[in-house]
Amino acid sequence: MTEYQIIDGTETVHRDGTIKLHGPEGFAGMRAAGQLAAQILDDIAPLVVPGVSTAALDDFVRERTLAGGAVPATMGYRGYAHSSCISPNHVICHGIPSEKTLKDGDIVNIDVTPLLDGWHGDTSRMFLVGDVPLKAKRLVEVTYECLMLGIEQAKPGNRLGDIGAAIEAHARNHRYGVVREFCGHGVGRLFHDAPEVIHAARAGTGPLLKPGMFFTIEPMINGGRPHAKMLNDGWT
């Protein structure tokens, strides 16, 4: 049975499997953290061009996060040493910034999480680098459509599985695959918390969605089969 925990925004929270239900203070904190995250991604857009290194983009994320009064939540998280995850082309997620440069025609996801006043603003955005082939551009477009269809299902009274069902149906209509190895998650004062948000699920299944839940929806869509391969770095 799914357990829910009402959070007033001041007490210490733990990753104990319960789904947290937040009040007005939580909404205010998450809104501020989310707005900063969105602004960072807006500000970095002009820099995402052929020839820029992902390390330089990561430096910008760190500087902009600190300037906004926050800290990058990824720094030091389970030994991770960077301020963002930057994932070009075939890298599904958790790409590690490096001196490798972006090329004309690349697509790249930049994932940022400013930790502002105790709240995690976890979000990412896809960017097109230069003149992108139609096939790659269409994958980005359909993935965004999947995201928005999932968000439409995120309302009180629905089930968590309704989100994944909407995402998977749209992806399959375009003969794309939904990655199963990674999922969305609860977020708030904790970086990763319950529930797990599966992006390929059956409608009407999973926990009941209630007011006050905070979670990410981050569909990862492959142009073909849904398989993923983990590298030896432990992240990518």
Protein backbone atom coordinates (compact mmCIF):
# COMPACT_ATOMS: atom_id res chain seq x y z
CA MET A 1 0.00 0.00 0.00
CA THR A 2 1.27 3.47 -0.90
CA GLU A 3 2.10 5.62 2.12
CA TYR A 4 1.90 9.41 2.04
CA GLN A 5 3.50 11.87 4.45
CA ILE A 6 2.34 15.45 4.96
CA ILE A 7 5.31 17.86 5.00
CA ASP A 8 5.04 21.36 6.44
CA GLY A 9 8.36 22.47 4.95
CA THR A 10 10.36 22.76 8.17
CA GLU A 11 10.96 19.24 9.45
CA THR A 12 13.79 16.96 8.40
CA VAL A 13 12.73 14.54 5.68
CA HIS A 14 14.14 11.12 4.86
CA ARG A 15 14.07 8.82 1.87
CA ASP A 16 11.85 6.26 3.54
CA GLY A 17 9.60 5.21 0.66
CA THR A 18 6.76 7.54 1.57
CA ILE A 19 5.36 10.02 -0.95
CA LYS A 20 5.63 13.52 0.45
CA LEU A 21 2.67 15.92 0.31
CA HIS A 22 3.75 19.55 0.55
CA GLY A 23 1.95 22.70 1.59
CA PRO A 24 2.28 26.37 0.58
CA GLU A 25 5.84 26.73 1.88
CA GLY A 26 6.96 23.79 -0.20
CA PHE A 27 5.30 25.17 -3.32
CA ALA A 28 7.00 28.54 -2.79
CA GLY A 29 10.40 26.92 -2.30
CA MET A 30 10.10 24.64 -5.32
CA ARG A 31 8.75 27.43 -7.49
CA ALA A 32 11.79 29.60 -6.71
CA ALA A 33 14.24 26.74 -7.32
CA GLY A 34 12.48 25.79 -10.54
CA GLN A 35 12.47 29.36 -11.80
CA LEU A 36 16.21 29.61 -11.20
CA ALA A 37 16.79 26.33 -13.04
CA ALA A 38 14.73 27.53 -16.00
CA GLN A 39 16.62 30.83 -16.07
CA ILE A 40 19.96 29.02 -16.11
CA LEU A 41 18.83 27.02 -19.15
CA ASP A 42 17.56 30.18 -20.84
CA ASP A 43 20.88 31.93 -20.20
CA ILE A 44 23.02 29.06 -21.46
CA ALA A 45 21.18 28.74 -24.78
CA PRO A 46 23.35 31.25 -26.73
CA LEU A 47 26.47 29.32 -25.66
CA VAL A 48 25.32 25.96 -27.03
CA VAL A 49 27.06 26.24 -30.39
CA PRO A 50 29.52 24.18 -32.44
CA GLY A 51 32.99 24.22 -30.91
CA VAL A 52 32.02 24.76 -27.28
CA SER A 53 33.18 22.13 -24.81
CA THR A 54 30.73 20.54 -22.42
CA ALA A 55 33.17 21.45 -19.62
CA ALA A 56 32.79 25.14 -20.52
CA LEU A 57 29.02 24.78 -20.40
CA ASP A 58 29.30 23.09 -17.01
CA ASP A 59 31.44 25.99 -15.76
CA PHE A 60 28.71 28.39 -16.84
CA VAL A 61 26.07 26.36 -14.99
CA ARG A 62 28.15 26.45 -11.81
CA GLU A 63 28.80 30.19 -12.00
CA ARG A 64 25.18 31.02 -12.82
CA THR A 65 23.87 28.74 -10.06
CA LEU A 66 26.11 30.36 -7.44
CA ALA A 67 25.19 33.83 -8.69
CA GLY A 68 21.54 32.92 -8.14
CA GLY A 69 22.18 32.17 -4.47
CA ALA A 70 22.09 28.40 -4.89
CA VAL A 71 24.58 25.55 -5.15
CA PRO A 72 24.67 22.79 -7.79
CA ALA A 73 23.08 19.75 -6.14
CA THR A 74 25.09 17.38 -8.32
CA MET A 75 28.45 18.57 -6.97
CA GLY A 76 29.66 15.83 -4.65
CA TYR A 77 26.47 13.78 -5.06
CA ARG A 78 27.60 10.14 -4.80
CA GLY A 79 31.06 11.26 -5.85
CA TYR A 80 29.94 13.22 -8.91
CA ALA A 81 32.32 16.13 -9.53
CA HIS A 82 30.37 18.45 -11.85
CA SER A 83 27.61 21.05 -11.72
CA SER A 84 25.41 19.54 -14.42
CA CYS A 85 24.90 16.51 -16.62
CA ILE A 86 25.42 17.16 -20.34
CA SER A 87 24.36 14.37 -22.69
CA PRO A 88 24.96 14.69 -26.45
CA ASN A 89 23.44 12.51 -29.15
CA HIS A 90 23.42 8.81 -28.16
CA VAL A 91 24.07 9.55 -24.46
CA ILE A 92 20.68 9.00 -22.81
CA CYS A 93 21.35 10.85 -19.56
CA HIS A 94 23.96 11.66 -16.86
CA GLY A 95 26.58 12.65 -19.43
CA ILE A 96 29.78 13.80 -17.72
CA PRO A 97 31.12 17.22 -18.84
CA SER A 98 34.56 17.10 -20.47
CA GLU A 99 36.79 18.93 -22.92
CA LYS A 100 34.97 17.24 -25.79
CA THR A 101 33.37 19.87 -28.02
CA LEU A 102 29.94 19.95 -29.60
CA LYS A 103 29.70 19.64 -33.37
CA ASP A 104 27.35 21.07 -35.95
CA GLY A 105 24.31 18.79 -36.13
CA ASP A 106 24.51 17.54 -32.54
CA ILE A 107 21.58 17.38 -30.17
CA VAL A 108 22.37 17.73 -26.47
CA ASN A 109 20.52 17.58 -23.17
CA ILE A 110 21.64 19.84 -20.33
CA ASP A 111 20.38 18.79 -16.89
CA VAL A 112 20.69 21.23 -13.98
CA THR A 113 19.63 21.11 -10.34
CA PRO A 114 20.19 24.29 -8.32
CA LEU A 115 19.71 23.66 -4.61
CA LEU A 116 18.09 26.87 -3.39
CA ASP A 117 17.17 27.35 0.27
CA GLY A 118 16.90 23.59 0.69
CA TRP A 119 14.79 22.90 -2.42
CA HIS A 120 15.97 21.05 -5.55
CA GLY A 121 15.07 22.64 -8.90
CA ASP A 122 15.73 19.55 -11.04
CA THR A 123 15.11 20.08 -14.76
CA SER A 124 16.70 19.66 -18.18
CA ARG A 125 16.32 20.88 -21.73
CA MET A 126 17.25 19.65 -25.19
CA PHE A 127 19.28 21.94 -27.46
CA LEU A 128 19.92 21.77 -31.21
CA VAL A 129 23.50 22.58 -32.18
CA GLY A 130 23.79 24.31 -35.53
CA ASP A 131 22.13 22.65 -38.52
CA VAL A 132 20.56 19.48 -37.12
CA PRO A 133 19.39 16.65 -39.43
CA LEU A 134 15.63 16.28 -39.75
CA LYS A 135 15.68 12.80 -38.18
CA ALA A 136 17.34 14.05 -34.99
CA LYS A 137 15.19 17.17 -34.89
CA ARG A 138 12.04 15.05 -35.14
CA LEU A 139 13.19 12.86 -32.24
CA VAL A 140 13.59 15.97 -30.08
CA GLU A 141 10.15 17.24 -31.10
CA VAL A 142 8.38 13.96 -30.35
CA THR A 143 10.17 13.64 -27.01
CA TYR A 144 8.91 17.10 -26.05
CA GLU A 145 5.41 16.10 -27.12
CA CYS A 146 5.72 13.00 -24.91
CA LEU A 147 6.72 15.21 -21.99
CA MET A 148 3.74 17.52 -22.43
CA LEU A 149 1.32 14.60 -22.77
CA GLY A 150 2.73 13.17 -19.55
CA ILE A 151 2.33 16.50 -17.78
CA GLU A 152 -1.32 16.64 -18.89
CA GLN A 153 -1.91 13.45 -16.90
CA ALA A 154 -0.27 14.81 -13.74
CA LYS A 155 -3.39 15.89 -11.88
CA PRO A 156 -5.14 14.88 -8.66
CA GLY A 157 -7.27 11.77 -9.03
CA ASN A 158 -5.21 10.20 -11.78
CA ARG A 159 -2.78 7.35 -11.24
CA LEU A 160 0.96 7.59 -11.70
CA GLY A 161 0.76 4.99 -14.47
CA ASP A 162 -1.43 7.33 -16.52
CA ILE A 163 1.64 9.50 -17.11
CA GLY A 164 3.79 6.68 -18.47
CA ALA A 165 0.92 5.29 -20.53
CA ALA A 166 0.44 8.61 -22.33
CA ILE A 167 4.17 8.93 -22.98
CA GLU A 168 4.60 5.39 -24.27
CA ALA A 169 1.56 5.54 -26.54
CA HIS A 170 2.80 8.67 -28.29
CA ALA A 171 6.35 7.37 -28.64
CA ARG A 172 5.17 4.06 -30.08
CA ASN A 173 2.93 5.87 -32.56
CA HIS A 174 6.14 7.31 -33.99
CA ARG A 175 8.00 3.98 -33.76
CA TYR A 176 10.27 5.24 -31.02
CA GLY A 177 11.29 3.34 -27.90
CA VAL A 178 10.87 4.48 -24.29
CA VAL A 179 13.96 3.82 -22.16
CA ARG A 180 13.13 1.68 -19.10
CA GLU A 181 16.47 1.81 -17.29
CA PHE A 182 15.96 5.39 -16.07
CA CYS A 183 12.88 7.10 -14.68
CA GLY A 184 11.55 10.26 -13.08
CA HIS A 185 11.39 10.59 -9.31
CA GLY A 186 10.06 12.44 -6.34
CA VAL A 187 11.89 15.67 -5.58
CA GLY A 188 11.77 18.50 -3.07
CA ARG A 189 14.03 18.77 -0.05
CA LEU A 190 15.46 15.45 -1.21
CA PHE A 191 17.17 15.23 -4.60
CA HIS A 192 15.69 11.79 -5.33
CA ASP A 193 12.68 10.41 -3.48
CA ALA A 194 9.52 8.36 -3.95
CA PRO A 195 7.71 7.83 -6.21
CA GLU A 196 9.55 6.42 -9.20
CA VAL A 197 7.94 7.84 -12.34
CA ILE A 198 8.06 5.12 -14.98
CA HIS A 199 7.72 6.47 -18.52
CA ALA A 200 6.24 3.27 -19.97
CA ALA A 201 3.34 2.09 -17.82
CA ARG A 202 -0.27 0.93 -17.84
CA ALA A 203 -3.01 3.49 -17.39
CA GLY A 204 -4.89 3.23 -14.11
CA THR A 205 -1.98 1.69 -12.22
CA GLY A 206 0.40 3.01 -9.60
CA PRO A 207 -0.04 5.44 -6.71
CA LEU A 208 -2.95 7.86 -6.65
CA LEU A 209 -1.85 11.40 -7.52
CA LYS A 210 -2.66 13.83 -4.72
CA PRO A 211 -2.25 17.60 -4.27
CA GLY A 212 1.16 18.47 -2.86
CA MET A 213 3.18 15.78 -4.64
CA PHE A 214 6.42 16.93 -6.28
CA PHE A 215 8.05 14.71 -8.91
CA THR A 216 9.93 14.90 -12.18
CA ILE A 217 8.70 13.67 -15.55
CA GLU A 218 11.69 13.14 -17.81
CA PRO A 219 10.94 10.79 -20.72
CA MET A 220 14.01 9.42 -22.45
CA ILE A 221 13.08 8.37 -25.98
CA ASN A 222 15.25 6.40 -28.38
CA GLY A 223 15.01 6.63 -32.14
CA GLY A 224 14.34 2.91 -32.42
CA ARG A 225 14.59 0.21 -29.79
CA PRO A 226 14.34 1.24 -26.12
CA HIS A 227 17.56 -0.42 -24.99
CA ALA A 228 20.28 1.33 -23.00
CA LYS A 229 23.90 0.40 -22.31
CA MET A 230 25.69 1.55 -19.16
CA LEU A 231 29.32 2.61 -19.45
CA ASN A 232 32.04 1.80 -16.95
CA ASP A 233 32.00 5.35 -15.56
CA GLY A 234 28.97 4.37 -13.47
CA TRP A 235 26.86 7.29 -14.66
CA THR A 236 26.40 7.33 -18.42
